[in-house]
Amino acid sequence: MEDIMSYHKLMMENHTMFSRKVFERLSDRCLSVGQPKVLEYLYFNDGAIQKDIAEACMIEPATVTSLLSRMEKGGLIKRKSRVGDKRYMCVYLTEIGRENSKISVETLSELEKIALSGFSEEERKRFVSFLERVNSNLKGKGGADI
């Protein structure tokens, strides 16, 4: 039982510390919770529809709608109806949003390097593989009944 508790505690601590470091480094950007990961997603997928953003960022669709509304009011994004199908809203970065997304991506990459410093390339690959397996297990795709 102690191993499971230490695993849970370590996962929570790592997530909390990583999140804090992200917001410390992006504090001058005035971004709220959830915005850096949406900006990162849009950096690589500009023009994505809200449904895809919700799935990729693991955010409930209703939460994405309100998050995007705040981002639009803040001048980070603009939403436009998809050409040929007005039911879909495509989300695009504005110039300010593009600048913030670039800084977010750089910050996340820098923190990943810090977090994995001292790991060999092989250890990094194995670590990522283990995390992917944990993720798959928790999603119920690894044969584990949860």
C-alpha atoms as a PDB file:
ATOM      1  CA  MET A   1       0.000   0.000   0.000  1.00  0.00           C
ATOM      2  CA  GLU A   2       2.873   2.349   0.767  1.00  0.00           C
ATOM      3  CA  ASP A   3       4.179   2.052  -2.831  1.00  0.00           C
ATOM      4  CA  ILE A   4       0.784   3.025  -4.219  1.00  0.00           C
ATOM      5  CA  MET A   5       0.517   5.981  -1.857  1.00  0.00           C
ATOM      6  CA  SER A   6       4.021   7.153  -2.726  1.00  0.00           C
ATOM      7  CA  TYR A   7       3.203   6.804  -6.449  1.00  0.00           C
ATOM      8  CA  HIS A   8       0.040   8.863  -6.044  1.00  0.00           C
ATOM      9  CA  LYS A   9       1.848  11.434  -3.921  1.00  0.00           C
ATOM     10  CA  LEU A  10       4.724  11.724  -6.408  1.00  0.00           C
ATOM     11  CA  MET A  11       2.380  12.113  -9.376  1.00  0.00           C
ATOM     12  CA  MET A  12       0.419  14.833  -7.576  1.00  0.00           C
ATOM     13  CA  GLU A  13       3.580  16.615  -6.402  1.00  0.00           C
ATOM     14  CA  ASN A  14       5.147  16.528  -9.866  1.00  0.00           C
ATOM     15  CA  HIS A  15       1.983  17.834 -11.503  1.00  0.00           C
ATOM     16  CA  THR A  16       1.619  20.599  -8.903  1.00  0.00           C
ATOM     17  CA  MET A  17       5.272  21.652  -9.109  1.00  0.00           C
ATOM     18  CA  PHE A  18       5.271  21.629 -12.912  1.00  0.00           C
ATOM     19  CA  SER A  19       2.053  23.683 -13.038  1.00  0.00           C
ATOM     20  CA  ARG A  20       3.409  26.198 -10.530  1.00  0.00           C
ATOM     21  CA  LYS A  21       6.632  26.596 -12.494  1.00  0.00           C
ATOM     22  CA  VAL A  22       4.648  27.154 -15.695  1.00  0.00           C
ATOM     23  CA  PHE A  23       2.570  29.903 -14.103  1.00  0.00           C
ATOM     24  CA  GLU A  24       5.587  31.488 -12.386  1.00  0.00           C
ATOM     25  CA  ARG A  25       7.345  31.770 -15.732  1.00  0.00           C
ATOM     26  CA  LEU A  26       4.229  32.971 -17.550  1.00  0.00           C
ATOM     27  CA  SER A  27       3.011  35.322 -14.789  1.00  0.00           C
ATOM     28  CA  ASP A  28       3.685  38.437 -16.879  1.00  0.00           C
ATOM     29  CA  ARG A  29       1.398  37.004 -19.589  1.00  0.00           C
ATOM     30  CA  CYS A  30      -1.710  37.089 -17.331  1.00  0.00           C
ATOM     31  CA  LEU A  31      -2.871  33.658 -18.488  1.00  0.00           C
ATOM     32  CA  SER A  32      -5.439  31.725 -16.489  1.00  0.00           C
ATOM     33  CA  VAL A  33      -5.561  28.004 -15.757  1.00  0.00           C
ATOM     34  CA  GLY A  34      -6.111  26.013 -18.936  1.00  0.00           C
ATOM     35  CA  GLN A  35      -4.962  28.730 -21.307  1.00  0.00           C
ATOM     36  CA  PRO A  36      -1.313  27.635 -21.739  1.00  0.00           C
ATOM     37  CA  LYS A  37      -2.296  24.142 -22.899  1.00  0.00           C
ATOM     38  CA  VAL A  38      -4.913  25.555 -25.301  1.00  0.00           C
ATOM     39  CA  LEU A  39      -2.335  28.020 -26.629  1.00  0.00           C
ATOM     40  CA  GLU A  40       0.154  25.169 -27.050  1.00  0.00           C
ATOM     41  CA  TYR A  41      -2.437  23.105 -28.938  1.00  0.00           C
ATOM     42  CA  LEU A  42      -3.362  26.031 -31.202  1.00  0.00           C
ATOM     43  CA  TYR A  43       0.320  26.775 -31.833  1.00  0.00           C
ATOM     44  CA  PHE A  44       0.482  23.447 -33.664  1.00  0.00           C
ATOM     45  CA  ASN A  45      -3.200  23.286 -34.773  1.00  0.00           C
ATOM     46  CA  ASP A  46      -4.301  26.838 -35.581  1.00  0.00           C
ATOM     47  CA  GLY A  47      -7.850  26.830 -36.937  1.00  0.00           C
ATOM     48  CA  ALA A  48      -8.907  23.791 -34.899  1.00  0.00           C
ATOM     49  CA  ILE A  49     -12.550  23.300 -33.970  1.00  0.00           C
ATOM     50  CA  GLN A  50     -13.636  23.511 -30.332  1.00  0.00           C
ATOM     51  CA  LYS A  51     -14.415  19.785 -30.116  1.00  0.00           C
ATOM     52  CA  ASP A  52     -10.847  18.890 -31.104  1.00  0.00           C
ATOM     53  CA  ILE A  53      -9.427  21.389 -28.609  1.00  0.00           C
ATOM     54  CA  ALA A  54     -11.552  19.881 -25.831  1.00  0.00           C
ATOM     55  CA  GLU A  55     -10.428  16.333 -26.664  1.00  0.00           C
ATOM     56  CA  ALA A  56      -6.742  17.172 -27.085  1.00  0.00           C
ATOM     57  CA  CYS A  57      -6.573  19.268 -23.912  1.00  0.00           C
ATOM     58  CA  MET A  58      -8.800  16.899 -21.913  1.00  0.00           C
ATOM     59  CA  ILE A  59     -11.251  19.679 -21.043  1.00  0.00           C
ATOM     60  CA  GLU A  60     -15.030  19.368 -20.947  1.00  0.00           C
ATOM     61  CA  PRO A  61     -16.687  21.024 -23.993  1.00  0.00           C
ATOM     62  CA  ALA A  62     -18.626  23.501 -21.815  1.00  0.00           C
ATOM     63  CA  THR A  63     -15.400  24.479 -20.052  1.00  0.00           C
ATOM     64  CA  VAL A  64     -13.655  24.973 -23.398  1.00  0.00           C
ATOM     65  CA  THR A  65     -16.458  27.273 -24.514  1.00  0.00           C
ATOM     66  CA  SER A  66     -16.064  29.546 -21.481  1.00  0.00           C
ATOM     67  CA  LEU A  67     -12.256  29.332 -21.617  1.00  0.00           C
ATOM     68  CA  LEU A  68     -12.258  30.345 -25.286  1.00  0.00           C
ATOM     69  CA  SER A  69     -14.683  33.193 -24.553  1.00  0.00           C
ATOM     70  CA  ARG A  70     -12.222  34.584 -21.980  1.00  0.00           C
ATOM     71  CA  MET A  71      -9.357  34.111 -24.410  1.00  0.00           C
ATOM     72  CA  GLU A  72     -11.310  35.895 -27.139  1.00  0.00           C
ATOM     73  CA  LYS A  73     -12.106  38.812 -24.807  1.00  0.00           C
ATOM     74  CA  GLY A  74      -8.407  38.922 -23.908  1.00  0.00           C
ATOM     75  CA  GLY A  75      -7.465  39.190 -27.573  1.00  0.00           C
ATOM     76  CA  LEU A  76      -5.654  35.831 -27.701  1.00  0.00           C
ATOM     77  CA  ILE A  77      -7.928  34.101 -30.217  1.00  0.00           C
ATOM     78  CA  LYS A  78     -10.664  34.740 -32.747  1.00  0.00           C
ATOM     79  CA  ARG A  79     -13.413  32.329 -33.727  1.00  0.00           C
ATOM     80  CA  LYS A  80     -14.813  32.031 -37.229  1.00  0.00           C
ATOM     81  CA  SER A  81     -17.429  29.754 -38.732  1.00  0.00           C
ATOM     82  CA  ARG A  82     -15.965  27.002 -40.876  1.00  0.00           C
ATOM     83  CA  VAL A  83     -16.327  27.727 -44.568  1.00  0.00           C
ATOM     84  CA  GLY A  84     -19.079  25.513 -45.926  1.00  0.00           C
ATOM     85  CA  ASP A  85     -20.382  24.443 -42.516  1.00  0.00           C
ATOM     86  CA  LYS A  86     -21.417  27.196 -40.136  1.00  0.00           C
ATOM     87  CA  ARG A  87     -22.104  24.699 -37.324  1.00  0.00           C
ATOM     88  CA  TYR A  88     -18.378  24.477 -36.615  1.00  0.00           C
ATOM     89  CA  MET A  89     -16.395  27.304 -35.061  1.00  0.00           C
ATOM     90  CA  CYS A  90     -12.720  27.322 -35.979  1.00  0.00           C
ATOM     91  CA  VAL A  91     -10.366  28.878 -33.455  1.00  0.00           C
ATOM     92  CA  TYR A  92      -7.434  30.963 -34.642  1.00  0.00           C
ATOM     93  CA  LEU A  93      -4.635  32.647 -32.749  1.00  0.00           C
ATOM     94  CA  THR A  94      -4.408  36.412 -33.000  1.00  0.00           C
ATOM     95  CA  GLU A  95      -0.989  38.052 -33.189  1.00  0.00           C
ATOM     96  CA  ILE A  96      -1.015  38.429 -29.386  1.00  0.00           C
ATOM     97  CA  GLY A  97      -2.172  34.821 -29.042  1.00  0.00           C
ATOM     98  CA  ARG A  98       0.561  33.605 -31.381  1.00  0.00           C
ATOM     99  CA  GLU A  99       3.183  35.446 -29.319  1.00  0.00           C
ATOM    100  CA  ASN A 100       1.782  33.987 -26.081  1.00  0.00           C
ATOM    101  CA  SER A 101       1.534  30.492 -27.574  1.00  0.00           C
ATOM    102  CA  LYS A 102       5.155  30.632 -28.732  1.00  0.00           C
ATOM    103  CA  ILE A 103       6.271  31.680 -25.248  1.00  0.00           C
ATOM    104  CA  SER A 104       4.065  28.970 -23.690  1.00  0.00           C
ATOM    105  CA  VAL A 105       5.570  26.277 -25.933  1.00  0.00           C
ATOM    106  CA  GLU A 106       9.106  27.496 -25.183  1.00  0.00           C
ATOM    107  CA  THR A 107       8.359  27.577 -21.440  1.00  0.00           C
ATOM    108  CA  LEU A 108       6.905  24.065 -21.434  1.00  0.00           C
ATOM    109  CA  SER A 109       9.871  22.753 -23.421  1.00  0.00           C
ATOM    110  CA  GLU A 110      12.340  24.446 -21.070  1.00  0.00           C
ATOM    111  CA  LEU A 111      10.601  23.003 -18.003  1.00  0.00           C
ATOM    112  CA  GLU A 112      10.574  19.525 -19.550  1.00  0.00           C
ATOM    113  CA  LYS A 113      14.344  19.801 -20.026  1.00  0.00           C
ATOM    114  CA  ILE A 114      14.763  20.873 -16.394  1.00  0.00           C
ATOM    115  CA  ALA A 115      12.478  18.098 -15.145  1.00  0.00           C
ATOM    116  CA  LEU A 116      14.373  15.455 -17.112  1.00  0.00           C
ATOM    117  CA  SER A 117      17.885  16.796 -16.533  1.00  0.00           C
ATOM    118  CA  GLY A 118      20.247  14.047 -15.474  1.00  0.00           C
ATOM    119  CA  PHE A 119      18.288  11.444 -17.461  1.00  0.00           C
ATOM    120  CA  SER A 120      20.051   9.721 -20.335  1.00  0.00           C
ATOM    121  CA  GLU A 121      18.275   9.657 -23.702  1.00  0.00           C
ATOM    122  CA  GLU A 122      17.373   6.005 -23.093  1.00  0.00           C
ATOM    123  CA  GLU A 123      15.990   6.830 -19.621  1.00  0.00           C
ATOM    124  CA  ARG A 124      13.896   9.656 -21.101  1.00  0.00           C
ATOM    125  CA  LYS A 125      12.425   7.322 -23.707  1.00  0.00           C
ATOM    126  CA  ARG A 126      11.664   4.662 -21.099  1.00  0.00           C
ATOM    127  CA  PHE A 127      10.160   7.238 -18.730  1.00  0.00           C
ATOM    128  CA  VAL A 128       7.862   8.585 -21.447  1.00  0.00           C
ATOM    129  CA  SER A 129       6.951   5.013 -22.381  1.00  0.00           C
ATOM    130  CA  PHE A 130       6.017   4.268 -18.755  1.00  0.00           C
ATOM    131  CA  LEU A 131       3.906   7.432 -18.526  1.00  0.00           C
ATOM    132  CA  GLU A 132       2.154   6.539 -21.788  1.00  0.00           C
ATOM    133  CA  ARG A 133       1.385   3.098 -20.378  1.00  0.00           C
ATOM    134  CA  VAL A 134       0.007   4.609 -17.149  1.00  0.00           C
ATOM    135  CA  ASN A 135      -2.101   6.966 -19.264  1.00  0.00           C
ATOM    136  CA  SER A 136      -3.386   4.087 -21.369  1.00  0.00           C
ATOM    137  CA  ASN A 137      -4.180   2.017 -18.270  1.00  0.00           C
ATOM    138  CA  LEU A 138      -6.113   4.876 -16.707  1.00  0.00           C
ATOM    139  CA  LYS A 139      -8.063   5.363 -19.925  1.00  0.00           C
ATOM    140  CA  GLY A 140      -8.917   1.657 -19.799  1.00  0.00           C
ATOM    141  CA  LYS A 141      -6.983   0.727 -22.936  1.00  0.00           C
ATOM    142  CA  GLY A 142      -4.239  -1.323 -21.310  1.00  0.00           C
ATOM    143  CA  GLY A 143      -6.282  -4.314 -20.262  1.00  0.00           C
ATOM    144  CA  ALA A 144      -6.578  -3.089 -16.690  1.00  0.00           C
ATOM    145  CA  ASP A 145     -10.047  -2.898 -15.196  1.00  0.00           C
ATOM    146  CA  ILE A 146     -10.306   0.348 -13.292  1.00  0.00           C
END
